[in-house]
Protein backbone atom coordinates (compact mmCIF):
# COMPACT_ATOMS: atom_id res chain seq x y z
CA MET A 1 35.52 118.69 -1.30
CA SER A 2 37.65 117.02 -3.94
CA GLN A 3 35.88 114.63 -6.32
CA THR A 4 38.76 112.30 -7.27
CA MET A 5 37.36 109.16 -8.86
CA LEU A 6 38.95 105.77 -8.34
CA PRO A 7 38.80 102.64 -10.47
CA GLU A 8 35.45 100.90 -10.75
CA ASN A 9 36.52 98.00 -8.56
CA ARG A 10 37.13 100.46 -5.71
CA ALA A 11 33.60 101.88 -5.81
CA PRO A 12 31.64 101.40 -2.59
CA ARG A 13 29.51 98.29 -2.70
CA PRO A 14 25.76 98.52 -2.46
CA GLY A 15 24.84 97.62 1.05
CA ARG A 16 22.13 98.02 3.60
CA GLU A 17 22.80 100.88 5.99
CA THR A 18 21.94 99.39 9.35
CA ALA A 19 21.95 102.12 11.96
CA ALA A 20 21.68 101.52 15.69
CA ALA A 21 21.05 105.25 16.04
CA GLY A 22 17.50 106.49 16.38
CA PRO A 23 15.73 108.86 13.97
CA ALA A 24 16.74 112.00 15.92
CA THR A 25 20.39 110.94 15.90
CA VAL A 26 20.30 110.22 12.18
CA ARG A 27 18.78 113.65 11.55
CA PHE A 28 21.59 115.21 13.60
CA TYR A 29 24.25 113.34 11.63
CA ARG A 30 22.65 114.41 8.36
CA ARG A 31 22.58 118.07 9.44
CA VAL A 32 26.26 117.93 10.40
CA LEU A 33 27.18 116.51 6.99
CA ARG A 34 25.14 119.14 5.16
CA GLU A 35 26.39 122.05 7.26
CA LEU A 36 30.04 121.17 6.71
CA THR A 37 29.43 120.71 2.99
CA ALA A 38 27.60 124.04 2.72
CA ALA A 39 30.43 125.79 4.60
CA GLY A 40 33.02 124.40 2.19
CA ILE A 41 34.90 122.56 4.94
CA ASP A 42 36.56 119.42 3.59
CA PHE A 43 35.79 116.21 5.44
CA LEU A 44 35.75 112.47 4.86
CA VAL A 45 33.40 109.87 6.31
CA GLY A 46 35.15 106.98 7.99
CA GLY A 47 34.33 104.52 10.74
CA GLY A 48 31.34 102.21 10.48
CA TYR A 49 29.64 104.02 7.60
CA ALA A 50 32.72 103.73 5.36
CA LEU A 51 33.37 100.15 6.42
CA GLU A 52 29.78 99.21 5.62
CA ARG A 53 30.13 100.72 2.15
CA TYR A 54 33.41 99.01 1.29
CA LEU A 55 32.34 95.62 2.59
CA GLY A 56 28.78 95.80 1.26
CA ILE A 57 27.31 94.50 4.48
CA GLY A 58 24.63 95.62 6.87
CA ARG A 59 26.57 96.73 9.93
CA LEU A 60 25.28 98.37 13.09
CA VAL A 61 26.56 101.93 12.86
CA LYS A 62 26.50 103.57 16.28
CA ASP A 63 28.30 106.82 15.59
CA LEU A 64 29.66 109.14 12.93
CA ASP A 65 33.41 109.59 12.42
CA LEU A 66 34.53 112.46 10.21
CA PHE A 67 38.14 112.98 9.20
CA LEU A 68 39.46 116.50 8.62
CA ARG A 69 42.78 118.25 8.19
CA ALA A 70 44.10 119.68 11.45
CA ALA A 71 43.92 123.19 9.98
CA ASP A 72 40.14 122.82 9.55
CA ILE A 73 39.22 121.40 12.96
CA GLN A 74 38.63 124.65 14.84
CA LYS A 75 36.81 126.11 11.85
CA ALA A 76 34.48 123.10 11.81
CA LEU A 77 33.90 123.21 15.57
CA ASP A 78 33.10 126.93 15.48
CA HIS A 79 30.78 126.60 12.49
CA LEU A 80 28.80 123.69 13.91
CA GLY A 81 28.57 125.42 17.25
CA ARG A 82 27.02 128.49 15.62
CA SER A 83 24.85 126.86 12.94
CA LEU A 84 23.47 123.92 14.93
CA GLY A 85 23.80 125.19 18.48
CA CYS A 86 26.10 122.30 19.36
CA ASP A 87 28.46 121.98 22.28
CA THR A 88 31.93 121.58 20.85
CA GLU A 89 35.34 120.78 22.27
CA LEU A 90 38.84 119.90 21.23
CA THR A 91 38.77 116.75 23.31
CA PHE A 92 42.38 115.74 22.71
CA PRO A 93 44.58 118.48 21.20
CA HIS A 94 46.68 116.03 19.21
CA TRP A 95 43.92 114.14 17.37
CA LEU A 96 40.22 114.53 18.22
CA GLY A 97 37.41 117.06 18.52
CA LYS A 98 33.76 116.38 19.40
CA VAL A 99 30.43 117.92 18.53
CA ARG A 100 27.53 117.19 20.88
CA LYS A 101 23.83 117.97 20.94
CA ARG A 102 21.17 116.44 23.19
CA GLY A 103 23.15 113.30 23.92
CA ASP A 104 24.31 112.70 20.33
CA HIS A 105 27.88 113.27 19.22
CA VAL A 106 30.07 113.33 16.12
CA ASP A 107 33.83 112.79 16.22
CA LEU A 108 36.10 115.08 14.20
CA ILE A 109 39.37 113.22 13.73
CA PHE A 110 42.57 114.77 12.38
CA ASN A 111 45.23 112.34 13.55
CA ALA A 112 45.53 109.09 15.46
CA GLY A 113 45.47 108.56 19.19
CA ASN A 114 49.17 107.76 19.00
CA GLY A 115 49.91 110.89 16.96
CA VAL A 116 51.11 109.07 13.84
CA CYS A 117 48.31 108.94 11.25
CA VAL A 118 47.95 112.60 10.33
CA VAL A 119 45.06 113.36 7.99
CA ASP A 120 46.95 114.94 5.10
CA ASP A 121 46.08 115.87 1.52
CA ASP A 122 46.41 112.31 0.22
CA TRP A 123 43.44 111.24 2.32
CA PHE A 124 41.43 113.64 0.15
CA ASN A 125 43.30 113.02 -3.13
CA TYR A 126 42.31 109.33 -3.03
CA ALA A 127 38.91 109.67 -1.36
CA VAL A 128 35.95 107.77 -2.79
CA PRO A 129 32.63 109.48 -3.68
CA SER A 130 29.57 107.91 -2.08
CA ARG A 131 26.34 108.75 -0.26
CA VAL A 132 25.82 108.46 3.47
CA LEU A 133 22.42 109.15 4.99
CA ASP A 134 21.33 110.41 1.55
CA VAL A 135 24.05 113.07 1.56
CA PRO A 136 26.80 113.08 -1.13
CA VAL A 137 30.11 112.62 0.69
CA LEU A 138 33.65 111.34 0.25
CA LEU A 139 34.77 108.20 2.08
CA CYS A 140 38.20 107.70 3.62
CA PRO A 141 40.40 105.73 1.19
CA VAL A 142 40.75 102.04 1.97
CA GLU A 143 44.53 102.37 2.30
CA GLU A 144 44.21 104.99 5.01
CA MET A 145 41.53 102.98 6.79
CA ILE A 146 43.80 99.94 6.86
CA TRP A 147 46.74 102.08 8.01
CA SER A 148 44.87 103.71 10.87
CA LYS A 149 43.01 100.59 12.00
CA ALA A 150 46.11 98.38 11.91
CA PHE A 151 47.51 99.97 15.09
CA VAL A 152 44.36 99.66 17.21
CA MET A 153 45.18 96.85 19.65
CA GLU A 154 43.70 97.96 22.96
CA ARG A 155 42.51 95.49 25.57
CA GLU A 156 38.93 96.61 24.95
CA ARG A 157 39.19 97.18 21.21
CA TYR A 158 41.06 95.40 18.44
CA ASP A 159 40.52 96.37 14.80
CA GLY A 160 42.38 93.45 13.23
CA ALA A 161 39.19 91.86 11.94
CA ASP A 162 38.28 95.11 10.16
CA VAL A 163 41.73 95.12 8.54
CA ALA A 164 41.32 91.50 7.42
CA HIS A 165 37.88 92.20 5.98
CA LEU A 166 39.11 95.29 4.08
CA LEU A 167 41.99 93.26 2.65
CA HIS A 168 39.55 90.53 1.67
CA ALA A 169 37.23 92.99 -0.06
CA CYS A 170 39.81 95.22 -1.74
CA ALA A 171 43.13 93.36 -2.13
CA GLU A 172 43.14 93.49 -5.93
CA SER A 173 42.40 97.22 -6.11
CA LEU A 174 44.68 98.44 -3.33
CA ASP A 175 47.53 100.81 -4.09
CA TRP A 176 50.08 98.60 -2.39
CA ASP A 177 52.98 101.02 -2.93
CA ARG A 178 51.08 103.83 -1.23
CA LEU A 179 49.89 101.55 1.57
CA SER A 180 53.46 100.40 2.18
CA ARG A 181 54.69 104.00 2.28
CA ARG A 182 52.02 104.82 4.83
CA PHE A 183 53.41 102.23 7.22
CA GLY A 184 57.01 103.22 6.46
CA THR A 185 59.26 102.25 9.35
CA HIS A 186 56.32 100.53 11.01
CA TRP A 187 56.31 97.88 8.29
CA ARG A 188 56.18 95.11 10.95
CA ILE A 189 52.59 96.12 11.76
CA LEU A 190 51.61 95.72 8.11
CA PHE A 191 53.51 92.41 7.88
CA ALA A 192 51.75 91.14 11.00
CA HIS A 193 48.32 91.84 9.54
CA LEU A 194 49.22 90.34 6.17
CA THR A 195 50.53 87.22 7.89
CA LEU A 196 47.37 87.02 9.99
CA PHE A 197 45.28 87.41 6.82
CA GLY A 198 46.88 84.25 5.44
CA PHE A 199 46.00 82.45 8.67
CA VAL A 200 42.39 83.67 8.67
CA TYR A 201 41.86 82.95 4.96
CA PRO A 202 44.15 80.09 3.86
CA SER A 203 42.46 79.92 0.46
CA GLU A 204 43.03 83.67 -0.17
CA ARG A 205 46.76 83.95 0.58
CA ARG A 206 47.70 84.50 -3.05
CA ARG A 207 45.62 87.67 -3.15
CA ILE A 208 48.34 89.46 -1.20
CA PRO A 209 51.03 90.39 -3.77
CA GLU A 210 54.07 88.17 -3.48
CA ALA A 211 56.35 91.20 -3.90
CA VAL A 212 54.87 92.83 -0.79
CA MET A 213 55.41 89.73 1.34
CA ARG A 214 58.94 89.22 0.03
CA GLU A 215 59.89 92.83 0.75
CA CYS A 216 58.67 92.43 4.32
CA MET A 217 60.70 89.23 4.64
CA ARG A 218 63.76 91.02 3.23
CA LEU A 219 63.42 93.71 5.89
CA LEU A 220 62.96 91.04 8.54
CA GLU A 221 66.16 89.31 7.46
CA TYR A 222 67.99 92.66 7.60
CA GLU A 223 66.76 93.34 11.14
CA MET A 224 67.80 89.87 12.27
CA ARG A 225 71.38 90.80 11.31
CA HIS A 226 71.27 94.32 12.78
CA THR A 227 70.08 94.56 16.37
CA SER A 228 68.94 97.96 17.61
CA SER A 229 70.65 99.30 20.74
CA SER A 230 67.87 101.78 21.51
CA ARG A 231 65.53 100.83 24.35
CA ILE A 232 62.29 101.98 22.74
CA CYS A 233 58.83 100.60 23.40
CA ARG A 234 56.59 100.91 20.35
CA GLY A 235 53.75 99.14 22.09
CA THR A 236 52.37 102.56 23.01
CA LEU A 237 51.63 103.11 19.32
CA THR A 238 49.11 100.26 19.53
CA SER A 239 47.74 100.70 23.05
CA ARG A 240 47.84 103.72 25.33
CA ALA A 241 47.24 101.59 28.44
CA GLN A 242 48.89 98.20 28.14
CA TYR A 243 52.53 99.31 27.84
CA LEU A 244 52.72 101.92 30.59
CA VAL A 245 54.61 99.44 32.75
CA ASP A 246 57.36 99.37 30.11
CA LEU A 247 57.78 103.12 30.44
CA GLU A 248 57.25 103.54 34.16
CA LEU A 249 59.02 100.47 35.57
CA TRP A 250 61.23 98.97 32.89
CA GLY A 251 62.91 102.12 31.60
CA TYR A 252 61.88 102.02 27.94
CA GLU A 253 61.53 105.21 25.90
CA ASP A 254 58.06 106.07 24.63
CA ALA A 255 57.91 105.77 20.82
CA ARG A 256 55.17 108.40 20.73
CA LEU A 257 57.51 111.14 21.99
CA ALA A 258 60.31 113.06 20.30
CA PRO A 259 62.74 112.17 18.88
CA HIS A 260 60.87 108.98 17.90
CA GLY A 261 57.32 110.31 17.49
CA SER A 262 55.32 113.51 17.19
CA MET A 263 53.50 113.74 20.53
CA SER A 264 54.55 116.05 23.34
CA GLU A 265 54.81 114.84 26.93
CA GLU A 266 51.78 116.97 27.78
CA GLU A 267 49.71 115.38 25.00
CA ALA A 268 50.73 111.90 26.10
CA SER A 269 49.85 112.74 29.72
CA ILE A 270 46.39 114.01 28.74
CA TRP A 271 45.81 110.88 26.65
CA THR A 272 46.95 108.63 29.51
CA ALA A 273 44.85 110.46 32.12
CA ALA A 274 41.74 109.80 30.01
CA ILE A 275 42.10 106.00 30.26
CA ASP A 276 39.98 105.69 33.41
CA ALA A 277 37.34 108.07 32.07
CA ALA A 278 37.07 106.10 28.83
CA ALA A 279 36.65 102.83 30.70
CA SER A 280 33.71 104.25 32.64
CA ARG A 281 31.80 105.57 29.59
CA PRO A 282 29.09 103.66 27.75
CA LEU A 283 30.51 101.82 24.76
CA GLY A 284 29.03 104.27 22.26
CA GLU A 285 30.85 107.15 23.92
CA ARG A 286 34.30 105.62 24.05
CA PRO A 287 36.80 107.50 21.87
CA ARG A 288 38.13 105.66 18.85
CA GLU A 289 41.86 105.16 18.62
CA ALA A 290 43.26 105.89 15.28
CA VAL A 291 46.73 105.35 15.07
CA ALA A 292 50.42 105.16 13.10
CA PRO A 293 55.12 105.35 10.85
CA ASN A 294 59.96 104.04 13.13
CA ASP A 295 63.11 101.85 12.37
CA LEU A 296 63.55 100.55 8.83
CA PRO A 297 60.85 101.73 6.46
CA ILE A 298 59.50 99.41 3.81
CA GLY A 299 61.74 99.93 0.83
CA GLY A 300 65.02 100.87 2.50
CA ALA A 301 66.80 102.70 5.29
CA THR A 302 65.04 106.01 4.76
CA HIS A 303 61.36 106.88 4.54
CA GLY A 304 60.61 105.57 1.08
CA SER A 305 58.40 103.38 -1.01
CA MET A 306 58.35 99.65 -1.33
């Protein structure tokens, strides 16, 4: 794994690791981390463990989310199946694999549920060294955590508070240009969270760079003068369930599918068919939705920087 160091003010904060998992589960997580490291398979720790580190709080951590490149997913599944005797599966071919043993599971994530947030080299180039469960690891960069969490707006799960807390903890050390490029043509999602941050924390509004807010407002003014004629619903990038009526009854195109997005119709169908199954699982077993860049990007009319 790469060992790129970031500025001191980005270092994970000392915090109390508060795990809801029992001792056997923690041992399983630790073995997974060590096996992947020993096999030379790159991975990043995200989810609750990374959030706890960045925020410096004691947070109940119910599961282990690992982020890998798509090219490494099958290799990781095969290795953990052999070395630990785990049951493994590519649960959703466009974004998620799972490793299970005696009721415990680890998620191997390589994209977002909407097919937009691909785990690419920059996730690793800007990763942050830390320790999780006494194992040296790399954490997902804050920018990528904000990017992926910003689109999670399901009826049963909304990650907006996590985004606000990450902004609160890391605003001064964020790479705002890179974060803006991550959102690209989905700049409205970023703008929405930044606007909400100012509502949640009135005394902290100035911590969001004025240039970032003004660029979002410039793009908003441009869109107000140029109405799109395409009937696209981008709600499916934020919720797989709540905008099906727009597709099935109201005739909108699905922003997840070509030519707008990267998902195939088969992948979207598999993801939709799993809605009922997810609703019936215990909370700890529900799959996490990661998430998503489609009209004007931040910074201009092509995919560019702010």
